[in-house]
Amino acid sequence: MPDPVDSSAALSAVRNAVRQALNRDLQPGEILLLGRTHEGRLFRPSDWAERLAGVMSRFRPRGAGHSEGHLCYSPLCMPTLVDGVRAVVVSRELADVEPMAYDFVLRFARDNNLETVEACMLEIDPPNGSSGVDAARRRVA
């Protein structure tokens, strides 16, 4: 069984690497596909992230037309580099624009055994210095 301290340290390291690569945190509804398998091997070919984002470049948010759309990546599927590892940030909004494209990206990650990080963290700022759990209980009650 993995040590929870080690896994939280690993998660923190990934979160910091993502923050540095994107110059921001992953936003709720975004998924990061890392170019590393669950066994720790780098995924090949080395330009896989650019290829995947290039295929997804035509899928854009509604009303976000771009006169040179064929020359730039979609904001819903962007390649990046995280701690020296190629990666792709995929927005769940892609599922609203084209569900089959979103399913394709997720199947690609699963079929190739790629590590994924999903932004689903919720941080609650406790009022008046009380613990976050107590504040959340008060809001629910």
N, C-alpha and C. Protein backbone atom coordinates (compact mmCIF):
# COMPACT_ATOMS: atom_id res chain seq x y z
N MET A 1 0.85 -1.19 0.00
CA MET A 1 0.00 0.00 0.00
C MET A 1 0.89 1.24 0.00
N PRO A 2 0.62 2.24 -0.90
CA PRO A 2 1.48 3.42 -0.96
C PRO A 2 1.33 4.27 0.29
N ASP A 3 2.42 4.87 0.65
CA ASP A 3 2.45 5.76 1.81
C ASP A 3 1.73 7.05 1.46
N PRO A 4 0.69 7.45 2.24
CA PRO A 4 -0.05 8.68 1.93
C PRO A 4 0.82 9.92 1.95
N VAL A 5 1.87 9.92 2.77
CA VAL A 5 2.76 11.09 2.80
C VAL A 5 3.48 11.21 1.47
N ASP A 6 3.98 10.08 0.94
CA ASP A 6 4.68 10.10 -0.33
C ASP A 6 3.76 10.52 -1.46
N SER A 7 2.52 10.01 -1.47
CA SER A 7 1.60 10.35 -2.56
C SER A 7 1.19 11.82 -2.50
N SER A 8 1.04 12.37 -1.30
CA SER A 8 0.70 13.80 -1.22
C SER A 8 1.89 14.65 -1.63
N ALA A 9 3.10 14.19 -1.32
CA ALA A 9 4.30 14.91 -1.76
C ALA A 9 4.42 14.86 -3.28
N ALA A 10 4.11 13.70 -3.86
CA ALA A 10 4.16 13.57 -5.32
C ALA A 10 3.11 14.46 -5.97
N LEU A 11 1.91 14.50 -5.39
CA LEU A 11 0.85 15.35 -5.93
C LEU A 11 1.25 16.82 -5.84
N SER A 12 1.85 17.19 -4.73
CA SER A 12 2.30 18.57 -4.57
C SER A 12 3.38 18.92 -5.59
N ALA A 13 4.29 17.99 -5.85
CA ALA A 13 5.34 18.22 -6.84
C ALA A 13 4.75 18.40 -8.23
N VAL A 14 3.76 17.56 -8.58
CA VAL A 14 3.10 17.69 -9.88
C VAL A 14 2.37 19.02 -9.97
N ARG A 15 1.66 19.39 -8.90
CA ARG A 15 0.92 20.64 -8.89
C ARG A 15 1.86 21.84 -9.09
N ASN A 16 3.02 21.82 -8.43
CA ASN A 16 4.00 22.90 -8.59
C ASN A 16 4.57 22.93 -10.00
N ALA A 17 4.86 21.75 -10.56
CA ALA A 17 5.40 21.69 -11.92
C ALA A 17 4.38 22.21 -12.93
N VAL A 18 3.10 21.87 -12.74
CA VAL A 18 2.04 22.36 -13.63
C VAL A 18 1.92 23.87 -13.51
N ARG A 19 1.95 24.37 -12.29
CA ARG A 19 1.84 25.82 -12.07
C ARG A 19 2.96 26.56 -12.79
N GLN A 20 4.19 26.03 -12.72
CA GLN A 20 5.32 26.67 -13.39
C GLN A 20 5.18 26.58 -14.90
N ALA A 21 4.73 25.43 -15.42
CA ALA A 21 4.63 25.26 -16.87
C ALA A 21 3.54 26.13 -17.47
N LEU A 22 2.40 26.21 -16.79
CA LEU A 22 1.26 26.95 -17.33
C LEU A 22 1.22 28.40 -16.87
N ASN A 23 2.06 28.75 -15.91
CA ASN A 23 2.00 30.07 -15.25
C ASN A 23 0.66 30.28 -14.58
N ARG A 24 0.02 29.19 -14.19
CA ARG A 24 -1.25 29.22 -13.47
C ARG A 24 -1.54 27.80 -12.98
N ASP A 25 -2.53 27.65 -12.11
CA ASP A 25 -2.96 26.33 -11.67
C ASP A 25 -3.91 25.75 -12.71
N LEU A 26 -4.05 24.43 -12.68
CA LEU A 26 -5.11 23.82 -13.48
C LEU A 26 -6.44 24.35 -12.98
N GLN A 27 -7.33 24.66 -13.87
CA GLN A 27 -8.63 25.18 -13.50
C GLN A 27 -9.63 24.03 -13.35
N PRO A 28 -10.66 24.20 -12.52
CA PRO A 28 -11.68 23.15 -12.45
C PRO A 28 -12.21 22.85 -13.84
N GLY A 29 -12.33 21.59 -14.15
CA GLY A 29 -12.80 21.19 -15.47
C GLY A 29 -11.67 20.96 -16.46
N GLU A 30 -10.43 21.01 -16.02
CA GLU A 30 -9.30 20.74 -16.90
C GLU A 30 -8.63 19.43 -16.50
N ILE A 31 -8.12 18.74 -17.49
CA ILE A 31 -7.42 17.48 -17.28
C ILE A 31 -6.05 17.61 -17.93
N LEU A 32 -5.03 17.18 -17.24
CA LEU A 32 -3.67 17.20 -17.76
C LEU A 32 -3.29 15.78 -18.14
N LEU A 33 -2.92 15.60 -19.40
CA LEU A 33 -2.42 14.31 -19.88
C LEU A 33 -0.91 14.42 -19.93
N LEU A 34 -0.22 13.67 -19.10
CA LEU A 34 1.24 13.68 -19.07
C LEU A 34 1.79 12.66 -20.04
N GLY A 35 2.86 12.98 -20.70
CA GLY A 35 3.49 12.08 -21.65
C GLY A 35 4.39 11.07 -20.98
N ARG A 36 3.85 10.46 -19.95
CA ARG A 36 4.58 9.46 -19.19
C ARG A 36 3.58 8.36 -18.84
N THR A 37 4.00 7.11 -19.03
CA THR A 37 3.10 5.99 -18.71
C THR A 37 3.08 5.77 -17.21
N HIS A 38 2.12 4.97 -16.76
CA HIS A 38 2.03 4.66 -15.34
C HIS A 38 3.25 3.87 -14.86
N GLU A 39 3.99 3.27 -15.78
CA GLU A 39 5.22 2.56 -15.42
C GLU A 39 6.42 3.51 -15.35
N GLY A 40 6.23 4.78 -15.74
CA GLY A 40 7.29 5.77 -15.65
C GLY A 40 8.07 6.00 -16.94
N ARG A 41 7.71 5.30 -18.03
CA ARG A 41 8.40 5.50 -19.31
C ARG A 41 7.83 6.71 -20.04
N LEU A 42 8.71 7.44 -20.75
CA LEU A 42 8.25 8.55 -21.57
C LEU A 42 7.49 8.02 -22.77
N PHE A 43 6.41 8.69 -23.12
CA PHE A 43 5.59 8.29 -24.25
C PHE A 43 6.25 8.78 -25.54
N ARG A 44 6.23 7.95 -26.55
CA ARG A 44 6.79 8.28 -27.85
C ARG A 44 5.70 8.24 -28.91
N PRO A 45 5.76 9.02 -29.94
CA PRO A 45 6.86 9.87 -30.38
C PRO A 45 6.96 11.13 -29.52
N SER A 46 8.09 11.78 -29.59
CA SER A 46 8.35 12.91 -28.72
C SER A 46 7.45 14.11 -29.01
N ASP A 47 6.84 14.17 -30.18
CA ASP A 47 5.96 15.30 -30.51
C ASP A 47 4.48 14.91 -30.41
N TRP A 48 4.16 13.91 -29.61
CA TRP A 48 2.78 13.43 -29.50
C TRP A 48 1.82 14.52 -29.05
N ALA A 49 2.25 15.38 -28.12
CA ALA A 49 1.37 16.42 -27.58
C ALA A 49 0.98 17.43 -28.65
N GLU A 50 1.95 17.84 -29.46
CA GLU A 50 1.67 18.78 -30.54
C GLU A 50 0.77 18.15 -31.60
N ARG A 51 0.99 16.88 -31.87
CA ARG A 51 0.14 16.18 -32.85
C ARG A 51 -1.30 16.08 -32.37
N LEU A 52 -1.47 15.68 -31.10
CA LEU A 52 -2.83 15.55 -30.56
C LEU A 52 -3.53 16.91 -30.52
N ALA A 53 -2.83 17.94 -30.04
CA ALA A 53 -3.43 19.28 -29.98
C ALA A 53 -3.71 19.81 -31.39
N GLY A 54 -2.87 19.45 -32.36
CA GLY A 54 -3.10 19.87 -33.74
C GLY A 54 -4.37 19.27 -34.31
N VAL A 55 -4.63 18.01 -34.01
CA VAL A 55 -5.85 17.35 -34.47
C VAL A 55 -7.08 18.01 -33.84
N MET A 56 -6.94 18.43 -32.57
CA MET A 56 -8.07 19.04 -31.85
C MET A 56 -8.20 20.54 -32.10
N SER A 57 -7.32 21.13 -32.92
CA SER A 57 -7.29 22.58 -33.09
C SER A 57 -8.57 23.16 -33.69
N ARG A 58 -9.32 22.37 -34.41
CA ARG A 58 -10.54 22.91 -35.03
C ARG A 58 -11.71 23.00 -34.06
N PHE A 59 -11.61 22.36 -32.90
CA PHE A 59 -12.70 22.38 -31.92
C PHE A 59 -12.45 23.52 -30.94
N ARG A 60 -13.31 24.52 -31.02
CA ARG A 60 -13.16 25.74 -30.23
C ARG A 60 -14.45 26.07 -29.50
N PRO A 61 -14.36 26.91 -28.46
CA PRO A 61 -15.59 27.34 -27.79
C PRO A 61 -16.51 28.05 -28.78
N ARG A 62 -17.77 27.95 -28.53
CA ARG A 62 -18.75 28.61 -29.40
C ARG A 62 -18.48 30.11 -29.46
N GLY A 63 -18.54 30.65 -30.67
CA GLY A 63 -18.32 32.08 -30.86
C GLY A 63 -16.86 32.50 -30.80
N ALA A 64 -15.97 31.54 -30.68
CA ALA A 64 -14.54 31.88 -30.61
C ALA A 64 -13.89 31.61 -31.95
N GLY A 65 -14.54 32.07 -33.00
CA GLY A 65 -13.98 31.88 -34.33
C GLY A 65 -12.66 32.62 -34.46
N HIS A 66 -11.80 32.10 -35.27
CA HIS A 66 -10.48 32.69 -35.45
C HIS A 66 -10.18 32.62 -36.94
N SER A 67 -9.83 33.73 -37.53
CA SER A 67 -9.62 33.75 -38.98
C SER A 67 -8.49 32.84 -39.42
N GLU A 68 -7.55 32.58 -38.52
CA GLU A 68 -6.43 31.71 -38.85
C GLU A 68 -6.43 30.50 -37.92
N GLY A 69 -7.62 29.91 -37.72
CA GLY A 69 -7.79 28.80 -36.80
C GLY A 69 -6.93 27.61 -37.13
N HIS A 70 -6.60 27.45 -38.39
CA HIS A 70 -5.77 26.31 -38.77
C HIS A 70 -4.30 26.51 -38.37
N LEU A 71 -3.96 27.71 -37.91
CA LEU A 71 -2.57 28.00 -37.55
C LEU A 71 -2.32 28.05 -36.05
N CYS A 72 -3.34 27.80 -35.24
CA CYS A 72 -3.15 27.86 -33.80
C CYS A 72 -3.94 26.76 -33.10
N TYR A 73 -3.50 26.43 -31.90
CA TYR A 73 -4.17 25.39 -31.13
C TYR A 73 -5.48 25.91 -30.55
N SER A 74 -6.38 25.01 -30.29
CA SER A 74 -7.63 25.36 -29.63
C SER A 74 -7.35 25.65 -28.17
N PRO A 75 -8.03 26.62 -27.57
CA PRO A 75 -7.85 26.86 -26.13
C PRO A 75 -8.39 25.70 -25.30
N LEU A 76 -9.08 24.76 -25.92
CA LEU A 76 -9.65 23.61 -25.20
C LEU A 76 -8.70 22.43 -25.13
N CYS A 77 -7.60 22.48 -25.89
CA CYS A 77 -6.64 21.37 -25.94
C CYS A 77 -5.27 21.95 -26.31
N MET A 78 -4.47 22.24 -25.28
CA MET A 78 -3.20 22.94 -25.48
C MET A 78 -2.01 22.08 -25.06
N PRO A 79 -0.99 21.98 -25.92
CA PRO A 79 0.22 21.25 -25.52
C PRO A 79 1.07 22.13 -24.60
N THR A 80 1.82 21.48 -23.73
CA THR A 80 2.71 22.20 -22.82
C THR A 80 3.83 21.26 -22.40
N LEU A 81 4.73 21.76 -21.60
CA LEU A 81 5.84 20.98 -21.07
C LEU A 81 5.78 21.09 -19.56
N VAL A 82 5.71 19.95 -18.86
CA VAL A 82 5.62 19.93 -17.41
C VAL A 82 6.82 19.16 -16.86
N ASP A 83 7.71 19.87 -16.22
CA ASP A 83 8.89 19.25 -15.63
C ASP A 83 9.67 18.42 -16.65
N GLY A 84 9.80 18.95 -17.86
CA GLY A 84 10.54 18.27 -18.91
C GLY A 84 9.77 17.17 -19.62
N VAL A 85 8.49 16.99 -19.28
CA VAL A 85 7.65 15.96 -19.88
C VAL A 85 6.57 16.63 -20.72
N ARG A 86 6.42 16.20 -21.97
CA ARG A 86 5.36 16.73 -22.83
C ARG A 86 4.01 16.41 -22.20
N ALA A 87 3.08 17.35 -22.34
CA ALA A 87 1.75 17.18 -21.75
C ALA A 87 0.73 17.94 -22.58
N VAL A 88 -0.54 17.63 -22.34
CA VAL A 88 -1.64 18.34 -22.99
C VAL A 88 -2.66 18.69 -21.91
N VAL A 89 -3.12 19.93 -21.91
CA VAL A 89 -4.18 20.37 -21.01
C VAL A 89 -5.47 20.35 -21.82
N VAL A 90 -6.45 19.57 -21.34
CA VAL A 90 -7.72 19.42 -22.03
C VAL A 90 -8.83 19.98 -21.14
N SER A 91 -9.65 20.82 -21.70
CA SER A 91 -10.79 21.38 -20.97
C SER A 91 -12.02 20.50 -21.17
N ARG A 92 -12.81 20.34 -20.12
CA ARG A 92 -14.06 19.57 -20.24
C ARG A 92 -15.06 20.28 -21.14
N GLU A 93 -14.82 21.54 -21.39
CA GLU A 93 -15.68 22.28 -22.32
C GLU A 93 -15.63 21.66 -23.71
N LEU A 94 -14.55 20.94 -24.02
CA LEU A 94 -14.45 20.25 -25.29
C LEU A 94 -15.60 19.26 -25.46
N ALA A 95 -16.06 18.66 -24.36
CA ALA A 95 -17.20 17.73 -24.42
C ALA A 95 -18.47 18.44 -24.84
N ASP A 96 -18.63 19.70 -24.48
CA ASP A 96 -19.81 20.47 -24.89
C ASP A 96 -19.74 20.83 -26.37
N VAL A 97 -18.53 21.15 -26.83
CA VAL A 97 -18.34 21.54 -28.23
C VAL A 97 -18.44 20.33 -29.15
N GLU A 98 -17.73 19.26 -28.81
CA GLU A 98 -17.74 18.03 -29.62
C GLU A 98 -17.47 16.83 -28.72
N PRO A 99 -18.52 16.15 -28.27
CA PRO A 99 -18.36 15.02 -27.35
C PRO A 99 -17.46 13.92 -27.90
N MET A 100 -17.51 13.66 -29.20
CA MET A 100 -16.68 12.59 -29.77
C MET A 100 -15.20 12.95 -29.70
N ALA A 101 -14.85 14.21 -29.87
CA ALA A 101 -13.46 14.65 -29.77
C ALA A 101 -12.95 14.49 -28.34
N TYR A 102 -13.78 14.86 -27.37
CA TYR A 102 -13.42 14.71 -25.96
C TYR A 102 -13.21 13.24 -25.61
N ASP A 103 -14.12 12.39 -26.05
CA ASP A 103 -13.98 10.95 -25.81
C ASP A 103 -12.72 10.41 -26.47
N PHE A 104 -12.40 10.90 -27.67
CA PHE A 104 -11.20 10.47 -28.37
C PHE A 104 -9.94 10.76 -27.54
N VAL A 105 -9.87 11.97 -26.99
CA VAL A 105 -8.70 12.38 -26.20
C VAL A 105 -8.57 11.51 -24.95
N LEU A 106 -9.68 11.28 -24.26
CA LEU A 106 -9.63 10.46 -23.04
C LEU A 106 -9.29 9.00 -23.35
N ARG A 107 -9.84 8.47 -24.45
CA ARG A 107 -9.50 7.10 -24.87
C ARG A 107 -8.03 7.01 -25.26
N PHE A 108 -7.51 8.05 -25.91
CA PHE A 108 -6.10 8.09 -26.29
C PHE A 108 -5.23 7.94 -25.05
N ALA A 109 -5.54 8.71 -24.01
CA ALA A 109 -4.77 8.64 -22.77
C ALA A 109 -4.89 7.26 -22.12
N ARG A 110 -6.10 6.73 -22.07
CA ARG A 110 -6.30 5.42 -21.46
C ARG A 110 -5.62 4.31 -22.25
N ASP A 111 -5.81 4.32 -23.57
CA ASP A 111 -5.23 3.27 -24.42
C ASP A 111 -3.71 3.26 -24.39
N ASN A 112 -3.11 4.43 -24.18
CA ASN A 112 -1.65 4.53 -24.15
C ASN A 112 -1.09 4.55 -22.73
N ASN A 113 -1.98 4.31 -21.76
CA ASN A 113 -1.58 4.19 -20.35
C ASN A 113 -0.88 5.44 -19.84
N LEU A 114 -1.35 6.62 -20.27
CA LEU A 114 -0.72 7.88 -19.86
C LEU A 114 -1.21 8.31 -18.48
N GLU A 115 -0.32 8.93 -17.72
CA GLU A 115 -0.72 9.51 -16.44
C GLU A 115 -1.62 10.71 -16.70
N THR A 116 -2.64 10.86 -15.89
CA THR A 116 -3.53 12.01 -16.01
C THR A 116 -3.70 12.66 -14.64
N VAL A 117 -3.89 13.96 -14.67
CA VAL A 117 -4.15 14.73 -13.45
C VAL A 117 -5.41 15.54 -13.72
N GLU A 118 -6.38 15.38 -12.84
CA GLU A 118 -7.65 16.07 -13.02
C GLU A 118 -7.77 17.19 -11.99
N ALA A 119 -8.15 18.37 -12.45
CA ALA A 119 -8.32 19.50 -11.54
C ALA A 119 -9.71 19.44 -10.94
N CYS A 120 -9.78 18.94 -9.74
CA CYS A 120 -11.08 18.85 -9.07
C CYS A 120 -10.93 19.20 -7.60
N MET A 121 -9.90 19.98 -7.29
CA MET A 121 -9.64 20.33 -5.90
C MET A 121 -10.53 21.49 -5.49
N LEU A 122 -11.00 21.42 -4.28
CA LEU A 122 -11.85 22.47 -3.73
C LEU A 122 -11.19 23.02 -2.49
N GLU A 123 -10.89 24.30 -2.52
CA GLU A 123 -10.29 24.93 -1.35
C GLU A 123 -11.32 25.88 -0.75
N ILE A 124 -11.56 25.70 0.52
CA ILE A 124 -12.54 26.54 1.22
C ILE A 124 -11.77 27.43 2.18
N ASP A 125 -11.94 28.73 2.03
CA ASP A 125 -11.31 29.66 2.96
C ASP A 125 -12.18 29.75 4.20
N PRO A 126 -11.65 29.34 5.34
CA PRO A 126 -12.45 29.36 6.56
C PRO A 126 -12.65 30.79 7.06
N PRO A 127 -13.88 31.14 7.45
CA PRO A 127 -14.11 32.47 8.00
C PRO A 127 -13.60 32.54 9.44
N ASN A 128 -13.06 33.68 9.83
CA ASN A 128 -12.62 33.96 11.20
C ASN A 128 -11.62 32.94 11.73
N GLY A 129 -10.79 32.38 10.86
CA GLY A 129 -9.73 31.50 11.33
C GLY A 129 -10.16 30.11 11.77
N SER A 130 -11.43 29.73 11.60
CA SER A 130 -11.85 28.37 11.98
C SER A 130 -11.39 27.40 10.91
N SER A 131 -11.43 26.12 11.21
CA SER A 131 -10.96 25.13 10.24
C SER A 131 -11.91 25.06 9.06
N GLY A 132 -11.40 24.66 7.90
CA GLY A 132 -12.20 24.56 6.68
C GLY A 132 -13.33 23.57 6.81
N VAL A 133 -13.11 22.47 7.54
CA VAL A 133 -14.16 21.46 7.72
C VAL A 133 -15.31 22.05 8.52
N ASP A 134 -14.98 22.76 9.61
CA ASP A 134 -16.03 23.38 10.42
C ASP A 134 -16.82 24.39 9.61
N ALA A 135 -16.13 25.19 8.80
CA ALA A 135 -16.81 26.20 7.99
C ALA A 135 -17.73 25.53 6.98
N ALA A 136 -17.28 24.42 6.38
CA ALA A 136 -18.11 23.71 5.41
C ALA A 136 -19.33 23.11 6.08
N ARG A 137 -19.16 22.58 7.28
CA ARG A 137 -20.30 22.02 8.03
C ARG A 137 -21.33 23.10 8.33
N ARG A 138 -20.86 24.28 8.72
CA ARG A 138 -21.79 25.37 9.02
C ARG A 138 -22.58 25.78 7.79
N ARG A 139 -21.92 25.76 6.61
CA ARG A 139 -22.63 26.15 5.39
C ARG A 139 -23.69 25.13 5.00
N VAL A 140 -23.41 23.85 5.25
CA VAL A 140 -24.35 22.78 4.90
C VAL A 140 -25.52 22.76 5.87
N ALA A 141 -25.25 22.98 7.15
CA ALA A 141 -26.28 22.88 8.19
C ALA A 141 -27.32 23.96 8.10
